[in-house]
Amino acid sequence: MTLALFDFDGTITKTDSLLHFTRFAVGNKRYNLGITWLSPVLLLNKLGILPSQLTKNIFLCYFFKNMPVVNFELLCRQYASVIISTIIHNSAIEKIKWHKQLGHRVIVVSASPEAYVDKWCKLMGIECIATRLQKKDGLITGKIEGANCNGAEKASRLKRFLHIDDYIKIIGYGNSAGDKQMLALCTETFFKPFG
């Protein structure tokens, strides 16, 4: 059996989907204001001073804390079915279709929110492992549930999701240091393959 593993942001997509989704969800004015306010936090993360999970929690809290889950889910459905196609590499779609035609199991492994990545994956007929957002009393808390699905967590989640040893061939597609541990599980890897 063959397994194909795809990172999402920067591999399948041309840009950071969380930023793109947030702009879609809250509108340009609120997004621009938020990014300005959050710029010191984002800079500290870029410099490696602030961990990614903490940075993402601060970002999610600013934009989505206390949003009703039903509203958030509706935005995610709209984004996955209509908007996300504007940032997808066509060559990535062709490669996913190629793997499916050959009968390979295809899984997207992403640090972006499962809430919209999984919906997009279902439309593509493939599987998804991604970062889960915490919900409480029908509201988005703005925090990540468990660990951010990036770096070592990608490999860890894969090992919990399936039996790696069941696959003779594992083909991985990634574009950043956050994909390193996932790609280390693969027998064949492609780095920045689609643009």
Protein backbone atom coordinates (compact mmCIF):
# COMPACT_ATOMS: atom_id res chain seq x y z
CA MET A 1 0.00 0.00 0.00
CA THR A 2 1.06 3.58 -0.70
CA LEU A 3 0.41 6.59 1.52
CA ALA A 4 0.66 10.20 0.30
CA LEU A 5 1.08 12.93 2.93
CA PHE A 6 0.56 16.59 2.08
CA ASP A 7 1.25 19.67 4.13
CA PHE A 8 -1.42 22.32 3.47
CA ASP A 9 -0.15 25.91 3.90
CA GLY A 10 2.49 26.83 1.36
CA THR A 11 2.39 23.34 -0.18
CA ILE A 12 -1.17 22.91 -1.43
CA THR A 13 -1.94 26.62 -0.91
CA LYS A 14 -0.09 29.65 -2.25
CA THR A 15 -0.37 31.56 1.03
CA ASP A 16 -1.06 31.15 4.75
CA SER A 17 -4.66 29.91 4.89
CA LEU A 18 -5.28 30.99 8.51
CA LEU A 19 -4.54 34.61 7.64
CA HIS A 20 -6.58 34.31 4.45
CA PHE A 21 -9.51 32.68 6.31
CA THR A 22 -9.38 35.29 9.07
CA ARG A 23 -9.58 38.16 6.57
CA PHE A 24 -12.57 36.44 4.95
CA ALA A 25 -14.23 35.77 8.32
CA VAL A 26 -13.88 39.19 9.97
CA GLY A 27 -13.53 41.57 7.00
CA ASN A 28 -10.66 43.78 5.84
CA LYS A 29 -11.07 46.57 8.40
CA ARG A 30 -11.10 44.35 11.49
CA TYR A 31 -8.38 42.12 10.05
CA ASN A 32 -6.02 45.03 9.30
CA LEU A 33 -6.63 46.54 12.75
CA GLY A 34 -5.97 43.17 14.39
CA ILE A 35 -2.77 42.46 12.46
CA THR A 36 -1.47 45.92 13.43
CA TRP A 37 -2.30 45.32 17.10
CA LEU A 38 -0.81 41.80 17.00
CA SER A 39 2.34 42.81 15.08
CA PRO A 40 4.66 42.74 18.16
CA VAL A 41 3.47 39.19 18.97
CA LEU A 42 3.89 38.06 15.35
CA LEU A 43 7.37 39.60 15.22
CA LEU A 44 8.46 37.85 18.44
CA ASN A 45 7.27 34.58 16.95
CA LYS A 46 9.14 35.23 13.71
CA LEU A 47 12.31 35.87 15.74
CA GLY A 48 11.83 32.54 17.56
CA ILE A 49 11.22 34.21 20.93
CA LEU A 50 7.52 33.38 21.23
CA PRO A 51 6.43 29.75 20.62
CA SER A 52 4.08 29.08 17.70
CA GLN A 53 1.33 27.57 19.83
CA LEU A 54 1.21 30.59 22.16
CA THR A 55 1.28 32.96 19.17
CA LYS A 56 -1.56 31.08 17.50
CA ASN A 57 -3.62 31.10 20.72
CA ILE A 58 -3.18 34.89 21.00
CA PHE A 59 -4.13 35.31 17.34
CA LEU A 60 -7.20 33.07 17.59
CA CYS A 61 -8.34 34.71 20.83
CA TYR A 62 -8.12 38.17 19.31
CA PHE A 63 -10.23 37.30 16.27
CA PHE A 64 -12.48 34.42 17.31
CA LYS A 65 -12.87 34.23 21.10
CA ASN A 66 -16.57 33.88 22.07
CA MET A 67 -17.75 33.51 18.47
CA PRO A 68 -20.70 31.05 18.42
CA VAL A 69 -19.60 27.68 17.06
CA VAL A 70 -22.53 27.64 14.60
CA ASN A 71 -21.37 30.95 13.09
CA PHE A 72 -17.75 29.79 12.96
CA GLU A 73 -18.71 26.49 11.31
CA LEU A 74 -20.79 28.32 8.69
CA LEU A 75 -17.82 30.55 7.84
CA CYS A 76 -15.60 27.46 7.60
CA ARG A 77 -18.05 25.74 5.23
CA GLN A 78 -18.25 28.82 3.00
CA TYR A 79 -14.47 29.22 3.02
CA ALA A 80 -13.81 25.55 2.23
CA SER A 81 -16.38 25.28 -0.56
CA VAL A 82 -15.97 28.66 -2.29
CA ILE A 83 -13.09 30.88 -1.16
CA ILE A 84 -10.17 28.51 -0.57
CA SER A 85 -9.97 27.55 -4.27
CA THR A 86 -8.53 31.03 -4.96
CA ILE A 87 -5.28 30.18 -3.11
CA ILE A 88 -4.78 26.56 -4.21
CA HIS A 89 -1.94 25.46 -6.51
CA ASN A 90 -3.57 23.70 -9.48
CA SER A 91 -0.53 21.42 -9.70
CA ALA A 92 -1.18 20.26 -6.11
CA ILE A 93 -4.77 19.35 -7.01
CA GLU A 94 -3.51 17.40 -10.03
CA LYS A 95 -1.04 15.50 -7.84
CA ILE A 96 -3.74 14.66 -5.28
CA LYS A 97 -6.01 13.39 -8.09
CA TRP A 98 -3.11 11.34 -9.50
CA HIS A 99 -2.55 9.65 -6.13
CA LYS A 100 -6.27 8.93 -5.78
CA GLN A 101 -6.45 7.43 -9.29
CA LEU A 102 -3.64 5.07 -8.34
CA GLY A 103 -5.58 4.02 -5.22
CA HIS A 104 -3.18 5.66 -2.75
CA ARG A 105 -4.38 6.81 0.65
CA VAL A 106 -4.07 10.61 0.76
CA ILE A 107 -3.89 12.59 4.01
CA VAL A 108 -3.41 16.31 4.51
CA VAL A 109 -1.46 17.04 7.72
CA SER A 110 -1.77 20.69 8.70
CA ALA A 111 -1.14 23.20 11.47
CA SER A 112 -4.14 25.17 10.21
CA PRO A 113 -7.57 24.72 11.79
CA GLU A 114 -9.27 21.39 11.18
CA ALA A 115 -12.57 23.33 11.11
CA TYR A 116 -12.00 24.37 7.47
CA VAL A 117 -9.13 22.14 6.27
CA ASP A 118 -11.15 18.98 6.97
CA LYS A 119 -14.18 20.39 5.12
CA TRP A 120 -12.00 21.09 2.08
CA CYS A 121 -10.45 17.61 2.32
CA LYS A 122 -13.90 15.99 2.41
CA LEU A 123 -14.80 17.85 -0.80
CA MET A 124 -11.62 16.40 -2.33
CA GLY A 125 -12.37 12.90 -1.02
CA ILE A 126 -9.21 12.74 1.11
CA GLU A 127 -8.39 12.59 4.83
CA CYS A 128 -7.25 15.30 7.23
CA ILE A 129 -5.21 15.66 10.39
CA ALA A 130 -5.06 19.28 11.57
CA THR A 131 -5.07 21.63 14.54
CA ARG A 132 -8.28 21.45 16.55
CA LEU A 133 -9.83 24.52 18.11
CA GLN A 134 -11.31 24.37 21.59
CA LYS A 135 -15.07 24.85 21.99
CA LYS A 136 -16.95 25.47 25.23
CA ASP A 137 -20.65 26.16 25.87
CA GLY A 138 -21.31 26.58 22.14
CA LEU A 139 -18.52 29.15 21.72
CA ILE A 140 -15.02 29.18 20.22
CA THR A 141 -12.61 29.78 23.12
CA GLY A 142 -9.81 31.06 20.90
CA LYS A 143 -7.46 28.35 22.13
CA ILE A 144 -6.01 25.25 20.53
CA GLU A 145 -7.27 21.91 21.81
CA GLY A 146 -4.19 19.83 22.60
CA ALA A 147 -1.08 20.62 20.59
CA ASN A 148 -0.62 22.69 17.44
CA CYS A 149 -0.29 20.16 14.58
CA ASN A 150 3.16 21.28 13.49
CA GLY A 151 6.71 19.92 13.65
CA ALA A 152 7.00 16.85 15.89
CA GLU A 153 3.23 16.90 16.49
CA LYS A 154 2.62 16.11 12.81
CA ALA A 155 4.60 12.88 13.09
CA SER A 156 3.07 12.07 16.49
CA ARG A 157 -0.51 12.57 15.25
CA LEU A 158 0.17 10.43 12.17
CA LYS A 159 1.47 7.59 14.32
CA ARG A 160 -1.68 7.78 16.48
CA PHE A 161 -3.94 7.99 13.40
CA LEU A 162 -2.57 4.98 11.49
CA HIS A 163 0.03 2.19 11.49
CA ILE A 164 3.00 3.59 9.56
CA ASP A 165 4.41 0.07 9.11
CA ASP A 166 1.35 -0.91 7.05
CA TYR A 167 2.71 1.17 4.15
CA ILE A 168 5.50 0.00 1.85
CA LYS A 169 5.78 3.43 0.23
CA ILE A 170 5.10 6.79 1.90
CA ILE A 171 5.35 9.89 -0.29
CA GLY A 172 5.53 13.26 1.47
CA TYR A 173 5.03 16.82 0.24
CA GLY A 174 6.07 19.80 2.37
CA ASN A 175 7.55 23.27 2.26
CA SER A 176 8.90 24.26 5.69
CA ALA A 177 10.79 23.21 8.81
CA GLY A 178 7.40 22.41 10.36
CA ASP A 179 7.13 19.46 7.94
CA LYS A 180 10.57 17.99 8.74
CA GLN A 181 9.41 15.28 11.16
CA MET A 182 6.53 14.25 8.92
CA LEU A 183 8.82 14.00 5.90
CA ALA A 184 11.27 11.91 7.96
CA LEU A 185 8.60 9.18 8.06
CA CYS A 186 8.47 9.07 4.26
CA THR A 187 10.30 6.86 1.79
CA GLU A 188 10.12 9.58 -0.88
CA THR A 189 9.89 13.35 -0.28
CA PHE A 190 9.17 16.48 -2.31
CA PHE A 191 10.06 19.86 -0.83
CA LYS A 192 8.32 22.97 -2.24
CA PRO A 193 7.04 20.89 -5.17
CA PHE A 194 4.21 23.08 -6.48
CA GLY A 195 5.57 26.61 -6.60
